[in-house]
C-alpha atoms as a PDB file:
ATOM      1  CA  MET A   1      79.268  11.634  59.319  1.00  0.00           C
ATOM      2  CA  ASN A   2      81.036  11.383  55.929  1.00  0.00           C
ATOM      3  CA  VAL A   3      83.609   8.402  55.892  1.00  0.00           C
ATOM      4  CA  GLN A   4      86.091   7.870  53.126  1.00  0.00           C
ATOM      5  CA  LEU A   5      88.339   4.932  52.485  1.00  0.00           C
ATOM      6  CA  LEU A   6      91.219   5.507  50.881  1.00  0.00           C
ATOM      7  CA  THR A   7      93.059   2.117  49.629  1.00  0.00           C
ATOM      8  CA  ILE A   8      97.025   2.593  48.369  1.00  0.00           C
ATOM      9  CA  ASP A   9      98.184   0.240  45.198  1.00  0.00           C
ATOM     10  CA  PRO A  10      95.884  -2.992  45.757  1.00  0.00           C
ATOM     11  CA  GLN A  11      97.130  -4.811  43.053  1.00  0.00           C
ATOM     12  CA  ASN A  12      98.462  -8.093  41.902  1.00  0.00           C
ATOM     13  CA  ASP A  13     101.910  -7.361  41.535  1.00  0.00           C
ATOM     14  CA  PHE A  14     102.425  -6.323  45.353  1.00  0.00           C
ATOM     15  CA  CYS A  15      99.243  -8.350  46.432  1.00  0.00           C
ATOM     16  CA  ASP A  16      99.455 -11.701  44.759  1.00  0.00           C
ATOM     17  CA  SER A  17     102.581 -13.911  45.514  1.00  0.00           C
ATOM     18  CA  ALA A  18     102.903 -14.392  41.868  1.00  0.00           C
ATOM     19  CA  GLY A  19     103.538 -10.648  41.504  1.00  0.00           C
ATOM     20  CA  SER A  20     106.686  -9.218  40.301  1.00  0.00           C
ATOM     21  CA  LEU A  21     106.841  -7.278  43.664  1.00  0.00           C
ATOM     22  CA  PHE A  22     104.723  -9.259  45.968  1.00  0.00           C
ATOM     23  CA  VAL A  23     104.670  -7.563  49.352  1.00  0.00           C
ATOM     24  CA  PRO A  24     104.903 -10.419  52.703  1.00  0.00           C
ATOM     25  CA  GLY A  25     101.386 -10.500  54.100  1.00  0.00           C
ATOM     26  CA  ALA A  26      99.604  -8.701  51.198  1.00  0.00           C
ATOM     27  CA  GLU A  27      97.170 -11.557  49.948  1.00  0.00           C
ATOM     28  CA  GLU A  28      95.966 -11.521  53.982  1.00  0.00           C
ATOM     29  CA  ASP A  29      96.020  -7.928  54.044  1.00  0.00           C
ATOM     30  CA  MET A  30      93.611  -7.653  51.029  1.00  0.00           C
ATOM     31  CA  LYS A  31      91.190 -10.840  52.440  1.00  0.00           C
ATOM     32  CA  ARG A  32      90.546  -8.435  55.724  1.00  0.00           C
ATOM     33  CA  LEU A  33      89.728  -5.120  53.597  1.00  0.00           C
ATOM     34  CA  ALA A  34      87.571  -7.045  51.220  1.00  0.00           C
ATOM     35  CA  ALA A  35      85.634  -8.215  54.272  1.00  0.00           C
ATOM     36  CA  MET A  36      85.510  -4.944  55.720  1.00  0.00           C
ATOM     37  CA  VAL A  37      84.403  -3.158  53.205  1.00  0.00           C
ATOM     38  CA  ARG A  38      81.410  -5.576  52.256  1.00  0.00           C
ATOM     39  CA  ARG A  39      80.697  -5.439  56.616  1.00  0.00           C
ATOM     40  CA  ALA A  40      80.950  -1.891  56.367  1.00  0.00           C
ATOM     41  CA  GLY A  41      80.877  -0.446  52.981  1.00  0.00           C
ATOM     42  CA  ASN A  42      77.147   1.030  53.847  1.00  0.00           C
ATOM     43  CA  LYS A  43      78.811   3.372  55.976  1.00  0.00           C
ATOM     44  CA  LEU A  44      81.230   4.335  53.306  1.00  0.00           C
ATOM     45  CA  ASN A  45      80.618   7.607  51.384  1.00  0.00           C
ATOM     46  CA  ASP A  46      83.346   7.447  49.360  1.00  0.00           C
ATOM     47  CA  ILE A  47      86.261   4.920  48.523  1.00  0.00           C
ATOM     48  CA  HIS A  48      89.269   5.879  46.568  1.00  0.00           C
ATOM     49  CA  VAL A  49      91.762   3.589  44.985  1.00  0.00           C
ATOM     50  CA  THR A  50      95.102   4.648  44.087  1.00  0.00           C
ATOM     51  CA  LEU A  51      96.824   2.294  40.839  1.00  0.00           C
ATOM     52  CA  ASP A  52     100.562   1.785  40.311  1.00  0.00           C
ATOM     53  CA  SER A  53     100.776   2.745  36.579  1.00  0.00           C
ATOM     54  CA  HIS A  54     103.835   1.895  34.528  1.00  0.00           C
ATOM     55  CA  ARG A  55     105.433   1.622  31.501  1.00  0.00           C
ATOM     56  CA  THR A  56     108.294  -1.034  30.786  1.00  0.00           C
ATOM     57  CA  VAL A  57     110.375   1.585  30.074  1.00  0.00           C
ATOM     58  CA  ASP A  58     110.424   3.756  33.632  1.00  0.00           C
ATOM     59  CA  VAL A  59     113.169   5.204  35.478  1.00  0.00           C
ATOM     60  CA  ALA A  60     113.263   2.737  38.038  1.00  0.00           C
ATOM     61  CA  HIS A  61     113.087  -0.172  35.986  1.00  0.00           C
ATOM     62  CA  PRO A  62     116.568  -2.198  35.254  1.00  0.00           C
ATOM     63  CA  VAL A  63     115.813  -1.344  31.232  1.00  0.00           C
ATOM     64  CA  PHE A  64     116.672   2.384  31.702  1.00  0.00           C
ATOM     65  CA  TRP A  65     119.871   1.659  32.511  1.00  0.00           C
ATOM     66  CA  LYS A  66     123.129   0.186  31.741  1.00  0.00           C
ATOM     67  CA  ASP A  67     126.873  -0.434  32.609  1.00  0.00           C
ATOM     68  CA  SER A  68     129.630  -0.190  30.851  1.00  0.00           C
ATOM     69  CA  ALA A  69     129.425  -3.665  29.322  1.00  0.00           C
ATOM     70  CA  GLY A  70     125.588  -2.812  28.465  1.00  0.00           C
ATOM     71  CA  LYS A  71     124.057  -4.768  31.139  1.00  0.00           C
ATOM     72  CA  HIS A  72     121.118  -3.625  33.269  1.00  0.00           C
ATOM     73  CA  PRO A  73     120.938  -3.393  37.190  1.00  0.00           C
ATOM     74  CA  ASN A  74     119.426  -6.251  38.829  1.00  0.00           C
ATOM     75  CA  PRO A  75     116.189  -5.251  41.149  1.00  0.00           C
ATOM     76  CA  PHE A  76     117.325  -3.252  44.258  1.00  0.00           C
ATOM     77  CA  THR A  77     120.085  -1.834  42.906  1.00  0.00           C
ATOM     78  CA  ILE A  78     120.328   1.735  44.590  1.00  0.00           C
ATOM     79  CA  ILE A  79     121.823   4.523  42.000  1.00  0.00           C
ATOM     80  CA  THR A  80     123.462   7.683  43.268  1.00  0.00           C
ATOM     81  CA  VAL A  81     124.512  10.369  42.089  1.00  0.00           C
ATOM     82  CA  GLN A  82     128.069   9.552  42.415  1.00  0.00           C
ATOM     83  CA  ASP A  83     127.249   6.383  40.301  1.00  0.00           C
ATOM     84  CA  VAL A  84     125.809   8.284  37.178  1.00  0.00           C
ATOM     85  CA  GLU A  85     128.569  10.381  37.394  1.00  0.00           C
ATOM     86  CA  ASN A  86     131.162   8.149  37.207  1.00  0.00           C
ATOM     87  CA  GLY A  87     129.653   5.961  34.808  1.00  0.00           C
ATOM     88  CA  THR A  88     129.069   3.328  36.562  1.00  0.00           C
ATOM     89  CA  TRP A  89     125.148   3.707  35.517  1.00  0.00           C
ATOM     90  CA  GLN A  90     124.028   5.384  32.422  1.00  0.00           C
ATOM     91  CA  ALA A  91     120.697   5.626  30.557  1.00  0.00           C
ATOM     92  CA  THR A  92     120.482   3.161  27.880  1.00  0.00           C
ATOM     93  CA  ASN A  93     119.087   5.559  25.755  1.00  0.00           C
ATOM     94  CA  PRO A  94     121.895   8.428  25.392  1.00  0.00           C
ATOM     95  CA  GLY A  95     119.088  11.168  25.454  1.00  0.00           C
ATOM     96  CA  PHE A  96     117.774  10.746  28.659  1.00  0.00           C
ATOM     97  CA  ALA A  97     121.522  11.463  30.031  1.00  0.00           C
ATOM     98  CA  ALA A  98     120.964  14.793  31.226  1.00  0.00           C
ATOM     99  CA  ARG A  99     117.632  14.377  32.635  1.00  0.00           C
ATOM    100  CA  ALA A 100     118.913  11.179  34.350  1.00  0.00           C
ATOM    101  CA  LEU A 101     121.557  12.914  36.263  1.00  0.00           C
ATOM    102  CA  GLU A 102     119.285  15.725  36.955  1.00  0.00           C
ATOM    103  CA  TYR A 103     116.838  13.368  38.471  1.00  0.00           C
ATOM    104  CA  VAL A 104     118.993  11.416  41.063  1.00  0.00           C
ATOM    105  CA  LYS A 105     120.356  14.831  42.072  1.00  0.00           C
ATOM    106  CA  GLN A 106     116.823  16.203  42.753  1.00  0.00           C
ATOM    107  CA  LEU A 107     116.292  12.755  44.537  1.00  0.00           C
ATOM    108  CA  GLU A 108     119.170  13.304  46.607  1.00  0.00           C
ATOM    109  CA  SER A 109     118.509  17.119  47.448  1.00  0.00           C
ATOM    110  CA  ASN A 110     114.898  16.519  48.559  1.00  0.00           C
ATOM    111  CA  ALA A 111     116.124  13.642  50.824  1.00  0.00           C
ATOM    112  CA  ARG A 112     113.176  11.347  50.293  1.00  0.00           C
ATOM    113  CA  TYR A 113     114.462   7.971  48.618  1.00  0.00           C
ATOM    114  CA  PRO A 114     117.994   6.883  46.692  1.00  0.00           C
ATOM    115  CA  LEU A 115     116.786   6.000  43.375  1.00  0.00           C
ATOM    116  CA  CYS A 116     115.817   1.980  43.889  1.00  0.00           C
ATOM    117  CA  ILE A 117     115.741  -0.288  40.590  1.00  0.00           C
ATOM    118  CA  TRP A 118     112.654  -2.472  40.970  1.00  0.00           C
ATOM    119  CA  PRO A 119     111.891  -5.473  39.167  1.00  0.00           C
ATOM    120  CA  GLU A 120     109.240  -4.310  36.360  1.00  0.00           C
ATOM    121  CA  HIS A 121     105.717  -3.760  37.803  1.00  0.00           C
ATOM    122  CA  CYS A 122     102.123  -2.907  37.169  1.00  0.00           C
ATOM    123  CA  ILE A 123     102.867  -2.500  33.729  1.00  0.00           C
ATOM    124  CA  ILE A 124      99.902  -1.055  32.233  1.00  0.00           C
ATOM    125  CA  GLY A 125      97.380  -3.172  30.832  1.00  0.00           C
ATOM    126  CA  SER A 126      99.024  -6.472  32.590  1.00  0.00           C
ATOM    127  CA  TRP A 127      97.615  -8.868  35.153  1.00  0.00           C
ATOM    128  CA  GLY A 128      99.806  -7.135  37.779  1.00  0.00           C
ATOM    129  CA  HIS A 129      98.040  -3.977  36.968  1.00  0.00           C
ATOM    130  CA  SER A 130      94.668  -5.019  38.167  1.00  0.00           C
ATOM    131  CA  ILE A 131      93.228  -5.178  41.422  1.00  0.00           C
ATOM    132  CA  TYR A 132      93.629  -8.373  43.863  1.00  0.00           C
ATOM    133  CA  PRO A 133      90.675  -9.993  42.610  1.00  0.00           C
ATOM    134  CA  GLU A 134      88.509 -10.537  46.076  1.00  0.00           C
ATOM    135  CA  LEU A 135      89.026  -6.594  46.615  1.00  0.00           C
ATOM    136  CA  SER A 136      87.717  -6.291  43.132  1.00  0.00           C
ATOM    137  CA  ASP A 137      84.979  -8.654  43.837  1.00  0.00           C
ATOM    138  CA  ALA A 138      84.082  -6.256  47.191  1.00  0.00           C
ATOM    139  CA  LEU A 139      84.288  -2.880  45.297  1.00  0.00           C
ATOM    140  CA  ILE A 140      82.211  -3.682  42.748  1.00  0.00           C
ATOM    141  CA  GLY A 141      79.404  -4.820  45.417  1.00  0.00           C
ATOM    142  CA  TRP A 142      80.321  -1.402  46.990  1.00  0.00           C
ATOM    143  CA  GLU A 143      79.370   0.168  43.969  1.00  0.00           C
ATOM    144  CA  ARG A 144      76.037  -1.726  43.199  1.00  0.00           C
ATOM    145  CA  GLU A 145      74.395  -1.608  46.697  1.00  0.00           C
ATOM    146  CA  ARG A 146      75.503   2.197  47.056  1.00  0.00           C
ATOM    147  CA  PHE A 147      74.592   3.134  43.536  1.00  0.00           C
ATOM    148  CA  ALA A 148      78.453   4.603  44.047  1.00  0.00           C
ATOM    149  CA  ILE A 149      81.301   5.129  41.831  1.00  0.00           C
ATOM    150  CA  VAL A 150      84.990   4.119  43.152  1.00  0.00           C
ATOM    151  CA  ASP A 151      87.111   6.550  42.436  1.00  0.00           C
ATOM    152  CA  TYR A 152      90.561   5.401  40.779  1.00  0.00           C
ATOM    153  CA  VAL A 153      93.816   7.403  40.989  1.00  0.00           C
ATOM    154  CA  THR A 154      96.219   6.410  38.343  1.00  0.00           C
ATOM    155  CA  LYS A 155      99.604   7.326  39.378  1.00  0.00           C
ATOM    156  CA  GLY A 156     102.868   6.933  38.130  1.00  0.00           C
ATOM    157  CA  SER A 157     103.148   6.694  33.760  1.00  0.00           C
ATOM    158  CA  ASN A 158     105.967   9.531  33.309  1.00  0.00           C
ATOM    159  CA  VAL A 159     108.848   7.538  32.759  1.00  0.00           C
ATOM    160  CA  PHE A 160     111.258   9.699  34.388  1.00  0.00           C
ATOM    161  CA  THR A 161     110.314   9.761  37.960  1.00  0.00           C
ATOM    162  CA  GLU A 162     108.987   7.519  40.607  1.00  0.00           C
ATOM    163  CA  HIS A 163     105.420   8.283  42.043  1.00  0.00           C
ATOM    164  CA  TYR A 164     105.490   6.390  45.374  1.00  0.00           C
ATOM    165  CA  SER A 165     102.569   9.121  47.004  1.00  0.00           C
ATOM    166  CA  ALA A 166      99.440   9.087  45.233  1.00  0.00           C
ATOM    167  CA  VAL A 167      98.910  12.475  46.207  1.00  0.00           C
ATOM    168  CA  GLN A 168     102.534  13.462  43.835  1.00  0.00           C
ATOM    169  CA  ALA A 169     105.611  12.161  42.224  1.00  0.00           C
ATOM    170  CA  ASP A 170     108.642  12.266  44.312  1.00  0.00           C
ATOM    171  CA  VAL A 171     110.127  14.647  41.399  1.00  0.00           C
ATOM    172  CA  PRO A 172     107.310  16.391  39.775  1.00  0.00           C
ATOM    173  CA  ASP A 173     107.473  17.095  36.372  1.00  0.00           C
ATOM    174  CA  PRO A 174     106.135  21.083  35.529  1.00  0.00           C
ATOM    175  CA  THR A 175     105.345  20.200  32.359  1.00  0.00           C
ATOM    176  CA  ASP A 176     103.122  16.944  33.116  1.00  0.00           C
ATOM    177  CA  PRO A 177      99.889  17.534  35.350  1.00  0.00           C
ATOM    178  CA  SER A 178      99.753  14.244  36.351  1.00  0.00           C
ATOM    179  CA  THR A 179     102.777  14.226  38.263  1.00  0.00           C
ATOM    180  CA  MET A 180     101.828  17.692  40.143  1.00  0.00           C
ATOM    181  CA  LEU A 181     100.120  17.767  43.775  1.00  0.00           C
ATOM    182  CA  ASN A 182      96.495  16.251  43.137  1.00  0.00           C
ATOM    183  CA  ALA A 183      94.641  19.336  44.948  1.00  0.00           C
ATOM    184  CA  ARG A 184      91.392  17.305  43.299  1.00  0.00           C
ATOM    185  CA  LEU A 185      91.789  14.190  45.920  1.00  0.00           C
ATOM    186  CA  ILE A 186      93.084  16.424  48.774  1.00  0.00           C
ATOM    187  CA  ASP A 187      90.203  18.548  48.758  1.00  0.00           C
ATOM    188  CA  ILE A 188      87.693  15.747  48.981  1.00  0.00           C
ATOM    189  CA  LEU A 189      89.141  13.972  51.803  1.00  0.00           C
ATOM    190  CA  GLN A 190      89.614  17.283  53.293  1.00  0.00           C
ATOM    191  CA  THR A 191      85.517  16.887  53.345  1.00  0.00           C
ATOM    192  CA  ALA A 192      85.394  14.092  55.643  1.00  0.00           C
ATOM    193  CA  ASP A 193      84.857  13.869  58.602  1.00  0.00           C
ATOM    194  CA  ILE A 194      87.409  10.462  58.494  1.00  0.00           C
ATOM    195  CA  VAL A 195      89.413   9.166  56.151  1.00  0.00           C
ATOM    196  CA  ALA A 196      90.543   5.663  56.589  1.00  0.00           C
ATOM    197  CA  ILE A 197      94.046   4.650  54.802  1.00  0.00           C
ATOM    198  CA  THR A 198      95.450   1.232  53.794  1.00  0.00           C
ATOM    199  CA  GLY A 199      96.927  -0.564  50.734  1.00  0.00           C
ATOM    200  CA  GLU A 200     100.369  -1.476  49.977  1.00  0.00           C
ATOM    201  CA  ALA A 201     103.204  -0.945  50.649  1.00  0.00           C
ATOM    202  CA  LEU A 202     103.223   0.655  54.158  1.00  0.00           C
ATOM    203  CA  SER A 203     106.934   1.242  53.504  1.00  0.00           C
ATOM    204  CA  HIS A 204     106.820   3.255  50.515  1.00  0.00           C
ATOM    205  CA  CYS A 205     103.679   4.205  48.975  1.00  0.00           C
ATOM    206  CA  VAL A 206     101.150   4.132  51.682  1.00  0.00           C
ATOM    207  CA  ALA A 207     103.808   6.210  53.819  1.00  0.00           C
ATOM    208  CA  ASN A 208     104.432   8.775  51.185  1.00  0.00           C
ATOM    209  CA  THR A 209     101.096   9.197  50.183  1.00  0.00           C
ATOM    210  CA  VAL A 210     100.141   9.616  54.158  1.00  0.00           C
ATOM    211  CA  ASN A 211     102.694  11.908  54.674  1.00  0.00           C
ATOM    212  CA  ASP A 212     102.054  14.360  51.724  1.00  0.00           C
ATOM    213  CA  ILE A 213      97.970  14.393  53.050  1.00  0.00           C
ATOM    214  CA  ILE A 214      99.774  15.528  56.202  1.00  0.00           C
ATOM    215  CA  ASP A 215     101.744  18.029  54.212  1.00  0.00           C
ATOM    216  CA  ASN A 216      98.499  19.809  52.749  1.00  0.00           C
ATOM    217  CA  PHE A 217      95.872  18.908  55.528  1.00  0.00           C
ATOM    218  CA  GLY A 218      96.818  21.473  58.094  1.00  0.00           C
ATOM    219  CA  ASP A 219      97.221  20.235  61.378  1.00  0.00           C
ATOM    220  CA  GLU A 220      93.369  20.485  62.472  1.00  0.00           C
ATOM    221  CA  ASN A 221      92.413  17.744  59.917  1.00  0.00           C
ATOM    222  CA  VAL A 222      95.566  15.447  60.224  1.00  0.00           C
ATOM    223  CA  LYS A 223      93.222  13.524  63.524  1.00  0.00           C
ATOM    224  CA  LYS A 224      91.157  13.011  60.787  1.00  0.00           C
ATOM    225  CA  LEU A 225      93.111  10.233  59.201  1.00  0.00           C
ATOM    226  CA  VAL A 226      93.204   6.302  60.363  1.00  0.00           C
ATOM    227  CA  LEU A 227      95.531   4.308  59.377  1.00  0.00           C
ATOM    228  CA  LEU A 228      93.945   0.101  58.994  1.00  0.00           C
ATOM    229  CA  GLU A 229      97.000  -1.459  60.407  1.00  0.00           C
ATOM    230  CA  ASP A 230      96.057  -5.240  59.802  1.00  0.00           C
ATOM    231  CA  THR A 231      95.565  -4.303  56.138  1.00  0.00           C
ATOM    232  CA  THR A 232      98.982  -3.034  54.820  1.00  0.00           C
ATOM    233  CA  SER A 233     102.480  -4.089  55.328  1.00  0.00           C
ATOM    234  CA  SER A 234     106.467  -3.360  54.265  1.00  0.00           C
ATOM    235  CA  VAL A 235     108.715  -4.376  51.152  1.00  0.00           C
ATOM    236  CA  LEU A 236     110.734  -7.449  52.557  1.00  0.00           C
ATOM    237  CA  ARG A 237     113.990  -5.860  54.520  1.00  0.00           C
ATOM    238  CA  PHE A 238     111.995  -2.315  54.758  1.00  0.00           C
ATOM    239  CA  GLU A 239     110.189  -3.089  57.704  1.00  0.00           C
ATOM    240  CA  GLN A 240     111.648  -0.677  60.074  1.00  0.00           C
ATOM    241  CA  GLN A 241     111.203   2.381  57.416  1.00  0.00           C
ATOM    242  CA  GLY A 242     107.068   1.160  57.819  1.00  0.00           C
ATOM    243  CA  GLU A 243     107.165   1.258  61.627  1.00  0.00           C
ATOM    244  CA  ASP A 244     109.078   4.513  61.550  1.00  0.00           C
ATOM    245  CA  PHE A 245     106.704   5.913  59.354  1.00  0.00           C
ATOM    246  CA  VAL A 246     103.688   5.131  61.850  1.00  0.00           C
ATOM    247  CA  LYS A 247     105.573   6.432  64.493  1.00  0.00           C
ATOM    248  CA  LYS A 248     105.883   9.864  63.066  1.00  0.00           C
ATOM    249  CA  ALA A 249     102.667   9.964  61.702  1.00  0.00           C
ATOM    250  CA  VAL A 250     100.745   9.107  65.247  1.00  0.00           C
ATOM    251  CA  ALA A 251     102.562  11.525  66.964  1.00  0.00           C
ATOM    252  CA  LYS A 252     101.772  14.327  63.975  1.00  0.00           C
ATOM    253  CA  GLY A 253      97.760  13.063  65.157  1.00  0.00           C
ATOM    254  CA  MET A 254      97.070   9.991  62.632  1.00  0.00           C
ATOM    255  CA  GLN A 255      95.436   7.280  64.638  1.00  0.00           C
ATOM    256  CA  VAL A 256      95.814   3.394  64.184  1.00  0.00           C
ATOM    257  CA  SER A 257      92.836   1.136  64.059  1.00  0.00           C
ATOM    258  CA  THR A 258      91.690  -2.619  62.397  1.00  0.00           C
ATOM    259  CA  SER A 259      89.543  -3.420  59.708  1.00  0.00           C
ATOM    260  CA  ILE A 260      87.332  -5.416  62.176  1.00  0.00           C
ATOM    261  CA  ASP A 261      87.094  -2.645  64.449  1.00  0.00           C
ATOM    262  CA  PHE A 262      86.558   0.196  62.535  1.00  0.00           C
ATOM    263  CA  LEU A 263      82.776   1.564  62.124  1.00  0.00           C
ATOM    264  CA  VAL A 264      81.849  -1.377  64.262  1.00  0.00           C
END
């Protein structure tokens, strides 16, 4: 049986209480996940780990935007098409103005999420970008014991689009292959009999990844997906969004388990 594990963004900025975008519950999530990898690693054929990988200048970071007084928005500010058209918020770099307006318009039309300004997080090369230490140790141990290679999948380095999903950016850029559908990952996951999915955050990156996988998997493959519900949590104030995602995905065929029960 081919069993694969897909772990979404298990990074310090999300999973450590000192992280810039800490998800409540994530520290314990990662400890339970690390314990599962150590316990059942000999039954895992492949492990895929996505890494949110941002630059300081990013369309969803405060420095990208300013108001008429030159002040940057506070984290968790929502920027709408109307806000950009009426000048409430404008691109800090005037050369980005047209692209910024087009971006929020495309976000509105795809009805996924409005533009939310997040604290700077997962900056490439920073402590916050690194994998939570206990899980990192477990992954390195798995590589040694299995003589295998963890598949690290980076996402989010294009400054003009958000990239919640590990499968594709919220607004793909045809000139940047890293934002387009990750067919390689989809194809590998389709070879599995079981795909366990976990990581942070349930309400955003996990939800979008699973939804995109389902859209590209075909109905017959959705039942392969197993959410490890005790190793994933939602962003604070977005808990209902996480719960709604799980209900909809289960209705489409996704299964739910825990790190303790999985592969026992």
